[in-house]
Amino acid sequence: MARVTASTEIVGPPDSVWALLCDPTRYPELSAATVRMLDVPGEELRVGSVYREYGGVPPFRGESERRVTEFQPKTRQVHVGDDGSMTIDLTIDLVPTASGTGLTMSLDLRPRWFLAPINAVLWPLLMRRRSQDAIDATVANAKRIVESEDPPSRRSPSQPHAGR
């Protein structure tokens, strides 16, 4: 199994960050690895919600199905995905901070047994960096989106605007 992780602090309330992370229709805007959504739940995300997307880390792109397996409102989500070649666990953690919200996203990637030999070569040479770049871009996108949608005039006095 391989893991990549990225964190950022967002100047914005946890409610705004959580709302973005709970809206699969916005995942192509949020996730650097999501090209388009193929199917999204008709209701709010919760344990058992399933969605399908097209994306991945180039050159490996395709359809995947994801299921929410853990959902602790405003603090944690775990989405387990499968694209046919590997399982991908996305863990999202939020913590309130003095200036807003701490966001950490982690991907745990487990290739299918028949791809393990190929992955042993590709992961250190190519895929670790590309996967890290994708998760870094995704948390940066979350920060940009929330901070641009939550302008200073809507922030509480305890949430000063920090330069971007």
C-alpha atoms as a PDB file:
ATOM      1  CA  MET A   1       0.000   0.000   0.000  1.00  0.00           C
ATOM      2  CA  ALA A   2       1.144   3.519  -0.757  1.00  0.00           C
ATOM      3  CA  ARG A   3      -0.020   6.684   0.991  1.00  0.00           C
ATOM      4  CA  VAL A   4       0.097  10.352   0.067  1.00  0.00           C
ATOM      5  CA  THR A   5      -1.131  13.146   2.337  1.00  0.00           C
ATOM      6  CA  ALA A   6      -1.600  16.899   2.104  1.00  0.00           C
ATOM      7  CA  SER A   7      -2.788  19.516   4.592  1.00  0.00           C
ATOM      8  CA  THR A   8      -3.673  23.183   4.568  1.00  0.00           C
ATOM      9  CA  GLU A   9      -5.298  25.778   6.762  1.00  0.00           C
ATOM     10  CA  ILE A  10      -8.340  27.461   5.256  1.00  0.00           C
ATOM     11  CA  VAL A  11      -9.458  30.893   6.402  1.00  0.00           C
ATOM     12  CA  GLY A  12     -13.110  30.023   6.562  1.00  0.00           C
ATOM     13  CA  PRO A  13     -15.521  28.243   8.872  1.00  0.00           C
ATOM     14  CA  PRO A  14     -15.618  24.435   9.047  1.00  0.00           C
ATOM     15  CA  ASP A  15     -19.239  24.559   7.805  1.00  0.00           C
ATOM     16  CA  SER A  16     -18.108  26.075   4.482  1.00  0.00           C
ATOM     17  CA  VAL A  17     -15.316  23.530   4.020  1.00  0.00           C
ATOM     18  CA  TRP A  18     -17.628  20.658   4.963  1.00  0.00           C
ATOM     19  CA  ALA A  19     -20.323  21.816   2.528  1.00  0.00           C
ATOM     20  CA  LEU A  20     -17.811  21.761  -0.338  1.00  0.00           C
ATOM     21  CA  LEU A  21     -16.534  18.304   0.593  1.00  0.00           C
ATOM     22  CA  CYS A  22     -20.094  16.930   0.796  1.00  0.00           C
ATOM     23  CA  ASP A  23     -21.078  18.063  -2.719  1.00  0.00           C
ATOM     24  CA  PRO A  24     -19.944  15.473  -5.293  1.00  0.00           C
ATOM     25  CA  THR A  25     -21.195  17.683  -8.130  1.00  0.00           C
ATOM     26  CA  ARG A  26     -18.274  20.003  -7.289  1.00  0.00           C
ATOM     27  CA  TYR A  27     -15.589  17.287  -7.251  1.00  0.00           C
ATOM     28  CA  PRO A  28     -14.349  18.078 -10.796  1.00  0.00           C
ATOM     29  CA  GLU A  29     -13.713  21.648  -9.585  1.00  0.00           C
ATOM     30  CA  LEU A  30     -12.195  20.447  -6.319  1.00  0.00           C
ATOM     31  CA  SER A  31     -10.215  17.304  -7.119  1.00  0.00           C
ATOM     32  CA  ALA A  32      -7.251  17.491  -9.440  1.00  0.00           C
ATOM     33  CA  ALA A  33      -7.828  13.808 -10.320  1.00  0.00           C
ATOM     34  CA  THR A  34     -11.554  14.054 -11.140  1.00  0.00           C
ATOM     35  CA  VAL A  35     -12.361  14.861 -14.765  1.00  0.00           C
ATOM     36  CA  ARG A  36     -16.151  14.451 -14.546  1.00  0.00           C
ATOM     37  CA  MET A  37     -18.839  12.897 -12.416  1.00  0.00           C
ATOM     38  CA  LEU A  38     -20.778  10.008 -13.944  1.00  0.00           C
ATOM     39  CA  ASP A  39     -23.314   9.474 -11.160  1.00  0.00           C
ATOM     40  CA  VAL A  40     -23.923  11.303  -7.880  1.00  0.00           C
ATOM     41  CA  PRO A  41     -26.275  10.520  -4.985  1.00  0.00           C
ATOM     42  CA  GLY A  42     -29.606  12.330  -5.005  1.00  0.00           C
ATOM     43  CA  GLU A  43     -29.309  13.138  -1.312  1.00  0.00           C
ATOM     44  CA  GLU A  44     -26.632  14.465   1.023  1.00  0.00           C
ATOM     45  CA  LEU A  45     -23.573  12.291   1.546  1.00  0.00           C
ATOM     46  CA  ARG A  46     -23.706   9.800   4.396  1.00  0.00           C
ATOM     47  CA  VAL A  47     -22.383   6.324   5.167  1.00  0.00           C
ATOM     48  CA  GLY A  48     -23.357   4.124   2.243  1.00  0.00           C
ATOM     49  CA  SER A  49     -23.546   6.922  -0.355  1.00  0.00           C
ATOM     50  CA  VAL A  50     -22.139   5.822  -3.717  1.00  0.00           C
ATOM     51  CA  TYR A  51     -20.923   7.951  -6.603  1.00  0.00           C
ATOM     52  CA  ARG A  52     -19.092   7.282  -9.847  1.00  0.00           C
ATOM     53  CA  GLU A  53     -16.515   9.441 -11.556  1.00  0.00           C
ATOM     54  CA  TYR A  54     -14.120   9.484 -14.456  1.00  0.00           C
ATOM     55  CA  GLY A  55     -10.574  10.515 -13.634  1.00  0.00           C
ATOM     56  CA  GLY A  56      -7.343   9.347 -12.131  1.00  0.00           C
ATOM     57  CA  VAL A  57      -3.700  10.285 -12.173  1.00  0.00           C
ATOM     58  CA  PRO A  58      -2.351  10.401 -15.747  1.00  0.00           C
ATOM     59  CA  PRO A  59      -1.607   8.252 -17.596  1.00  0.00           C
ATOM     60  CA  PHE A  60      -4.004   6.029 -15.629  1.00  0.00           C
ATOM     61  CA  ARG A  61      -7.514   7.365 -16.118  1.00  0.00           C
ATOM     62  CA  GLY A  62     -10.819   5.566 -16.096  1.00  0.00           C
ATOM     63  CA  GLU A  63     -14.118   5.127 -14.329  1.00  0.00           C
ATOM     64  CA  SER A  64     -14.245   4.423 -10.631  1.00  0.00           C
ATOM     65  CA  GLU A  65     -16.941   3.862  -8.071  1.00  0.00           C
ATOM     66  CA  ARG A  66     -16.630   5.271  -4.572  1.00  0.00           C
ATOM     67  CA  ARG A  67     -18.562   4.483  -1.411  1.00  0.00           C
ATOM     68  CA  VAL A  68     -18.637   6.582   1.762  1.00  0.00           C
ATOM     69  CA  THR A  69     -17.686   4.192   4.561  1.00  0.00           C
ATOM     70  CA  GLU A  70     -17.194   6.646   7.403  1.00  0.00           C
ATOM     71  CA  PHE A  71     -18.982   9.946   7.960  1.00  0.00           C
ATOM     72  CA  GLN A  72     -18.558  11.989  11.122  1.00  0.00           C
ATOM     73  CA  PRO A  73     -20.263  15.341  10.437  1.00  0.00           C
ATOM     74  CA  LYS A  74     -17.908  18.289  10.116  1.00  0.00           C
ATOM     75  CA  THR A  75     -14.856  16.249  11.147  1.00  0.00           C
ATOM     76  CA  ARG A  76     -14.175  13.141   9.020  1.00  0.00           C
ATOM     77  CA  GLN A  77     -15.115  11.276   5.859  1.00  0.00           C
ATOM     78  CA  VAL A  78     -13.687   8.107   4.316  1.00  0.00           C
ATOM     79  CA  HIS A  79     -14.468   7.228   0.690  1.00  0.00           C
ATOM     80  CA  VAL A  80     -13.392   3.806  -0.614  1.00  0.00           C
ATOM     81  CA  GLY A  81     -12.982   3.621  -4.369  1.00  0.00           C
ATOM     82  CA  ASP A  82     -12.178   1.041  -6.996  1.00  0.00           C
ATOM     83  CA  ASP A  83     -11.099   1.709 -10.558  1.00  0.00           C
ATOM     84  CA  GLY A  84     -10.519  -1.903 -11.527  1.00  0.00           C
ATOM     85  CA  SER A  85      -6.752  -1.719 -11.141  1.00  0.00           C
ATOM     86  CA  MET A  86      -6.562  -0.604  -7.521  1.00  0.00           C
ATOM     87  CA  THR A  87      -8.555   0.385  -4.487  1.00  0.00           C
ATOM     88  CA  ILE A  88      -8.236   3.968  -3.374  1.00  0.00           C
ATOM     89  CA  ASP A  89      -9.198   5.092   0.125  1.00  0.00           C
ATOM     90  CA  LEU A  90      -9.664   8.840   0.532  1.00  0.00           C
ATOM     91  CA  THR A  91      -9.655  10.082   4.119  1.00  0.00           C
ATOM     92  CA  ILE A  92     -10.717  13.671   4.826  1.00  0.00           C
ATOM     93  CA  ASP A  93     -10.172  15.219   8.258  1.00  0.00           C
ATOM     94  CA  LEU A  94     -11.242  18.687   9.415  1.00  0.00           C
ATOM     95  CA  VAL A  95     -10.248  20.443  12.628  1.00  0.00           C
ATOM     96  CA  PRO A  96     -11.229  23.940  13.752  1.00  0.00           C
ATOM     97  CA  THR A  97      -8.269  26.314  14.071  1.00  0.00           C
ATOM     98  CA  ALA A  98      -7.809  29.819  15.408  1.00  0.00           C
ATOM     99  CA  SER A  99      -8.184  31.274  11.913  1.00  0.00           C
ATOM    100  CA  GLY A 100     -10.615  28.812  10.354  1.00  0.00           C
ATOM    101  CA  THR A 101     -10.281  25.160   9.419  1.00  0.00           C
ATOM    102  CA  GLY A 102      -7.444  22.669   9.129  1.00  0.00           C
ATOM    103  CA  LEU A 103      -7.960  20.259   6.238  1.00  0.00           C
ATOM    104  CA  THR A 104      -5.993  17.036   5.752  1.00  0.00           C
ATOM    105  CA  MET A 105      -6.599  14.639   2.874  1.00  0.00           C
ATOM    106  CA  SER A 106      -4.891  11.255   2.540  1.00  0.00           C
ATOM    107  CA  LEU A 107      -4.993   8.680  -0.233  1.00  0.00           C
ATOM    108  CA  ASP A 108      -4.193   5.046   0.435  1.00  0.00           C
ATOM    109  CA  LEU A 109      -3.601   3.189  -2.832  1.00  0.00           C
ATOM    110  CA  ARG A 110      -3.604  -0.598  -3.098  1.00  0.00           C
ATOM    111  CA  PRO A 111      -2.991  -2.137  -6.542  1.00  0.00           C
ATOM    112  CA  ARG A 112      -4.619  -5.410  -7.551  1.00  0.00           C
ATOM    113  CA  TRP A 113      -2.368  -8.417  -7.080  1.00  0.00           C
ATOM    114  CA  PHE A 114      -1.737  -8.732 -10.819  1.00  0.00           C
ATOM    115  CA  LEU A 115      -0.423  -5.156 -10.967  1.00  0.00           C
ATOM    116  CA  ALA A 116       1.825  -5.374  -7.911  1.00  0.00           C
ATOM    117  CA  PRO A 117       5.005  -6.073  -9.950  1.00  0.00           C
ATOM    118  CA  ILE A 118       4.305  -3.151 -12.311  1.00  0.00           C
ATOM    119  CA  ASN A 119       3.416  -0.898  -9.399  1.00  0.00           C
ATOM    120  CA  ALA A 120       6.673  -1.783  -7.647  1.00  0.00           C
ATOM    121  CA  VAL A 121       8.468  -0.094 -10.550  1.00  0.00           C
ATOM    122  CA  LEU A 122       6.022   2.697 -11.464  1.00  0.00           C
ATOM    123  CA  TRP A 123       5.254   3.904  -7.932  1.00  0.00           C
ATOM    124  CA  PRO A 124       8.737   5.151  -6.995  1.00  0.00           C
ATOM    125  CA  LEU A 125       9.566   6.345 -10.515  1.00  0.00           C
ATOM    126  CA  LEU A 126       6.360   8.079 -11.511  1.00  0.00           C
ATOM    127  CA  MET A 127       3.166   7.564  -9.591  1.00  0.00           C
ATOM    128  CA  ARG A 128       4.189   8.709  -6.094  1.00  0.00           C
ATOM    129  CA  ARG A 129       5.030  12.180  -7.375  1.00  0.00           C
ATOM    130  CA  ARG A 130       1.939  12.406  -9.587  1.00  0.00           C
ATOM    131  CA  SER A 131      -0.328  11.201  -6.772  1.00  0.00           C
ATOM    132  CA  GLN A 132       1.261  13.660  -4.327  1.00  0.00           C
ATOM    133  CA  ASP A 133       0.881  16.493  -6.849  1.00  0.00           C
ATOM    134  CA  ALA A 134      -2.811  15.598  -7.291  1.00  0.00           C
ATOM    135  CA  ILE A 135      -3.580  15.568  -3.544  1.00  0.00           C
ATOM    136  CA  ASP A 136      -1.575  18.800  -3.034  1.00  0.00           C
ATOM    137  CA  ALA A 137      -3.572  20.479  -5.820  1.00  0.00           C
ATOM    138  CA  THR A 138      -6.842  19.230  -4.352  1.00  0.00           C
ATOM    139  CA  VAL A 139      -6.271  20.746  -0.903  1.00  0.00           C
ATOM    140  CA  ALA A 140      -5.053  23.960  -2.572  1.00  0.00           C
ATOM    141  CA  ASN A 141      -8.270  24.002  -4.609  1.00  0.00           C
ATOM    142  CA  ALA A 142     -10.360  23.560  -1.444  1.00  0.00           C
ATOM    143  CA  LYS A 143      -8.567  26.519   0.129  1.00  0.00           C
ATOM    144  CA  ARG A 144      -9.031  28.698  -2.972  1.00  0.00           C
ATOM    145  CA  ILE A 145     -12.701  27.781  -3.392  1.00  0.00           C
ATOM    146  CA  VAL A 146     -13.738  28.269   0.232  1.00  0.00           C
ATOM    147  CA  GLU A 147     -11.755  31.471   0.721  1.00  0.00           C
ATOM    148  CA  SER A 148     -13.142  32.985  -2.489  1.00  0.00           C
ATOM    149  CA  GLU A 149     -16.722  31.980  -1.606  1.00  0.00           C
ATOM    150  CA  ASP A 150     -16.413  33.137   2.010  1.00  0.00           C
ATOM    151  CA  PRO A 151     -15.280  36.757   1.573  1.00  0.00           C
ATOM    152  CA  PRO A 152     -14.070  38.841   4.518  1.00  0.00           C
ATOM    153  CA  SER A 153     -17.425  40.626   4.782  1.00  0.00           C
ATOM    154  CA  ARG A 154     -19.061  37.285   5.703  1.00  0.00           C
ATOM    155  CA  ARG A 155     -16.369  36.136   8.135  1.00  0.00           C
ATOM    156  CA  SER A 156     -16.792  36.501  11.838  1.00  0.00           C
ATOM    157  CA  PRO A 157     -14.389  38.900  13.612  1.00  0.00           C
ATOM    158  CA  SER A 158     -12.471  35.888  14.970  1.00  0.00           C
ATOM    159  CA  GLN A 159     -11.637  34.843  11.399  1.00  0.00           C
ATOM    160  CA  PRO A 160      -9.398  37.540   9.955  1.00  0.00           C
ATOM    161  CA  HIS A 161      -8.550  37.355   6.270  1.00  0.00           C
ATOM    162  CA  ALA A 162      -5.064  36.084   5.573  1.00  0.00           C
ATOM    163  CA  GLY A 163      -3.311  36.924   2.326  1.00  0.00           C
ATOM    164  CA  ARG A 164      -3.376  34.209  -0.288  1.00  0.00           C
END
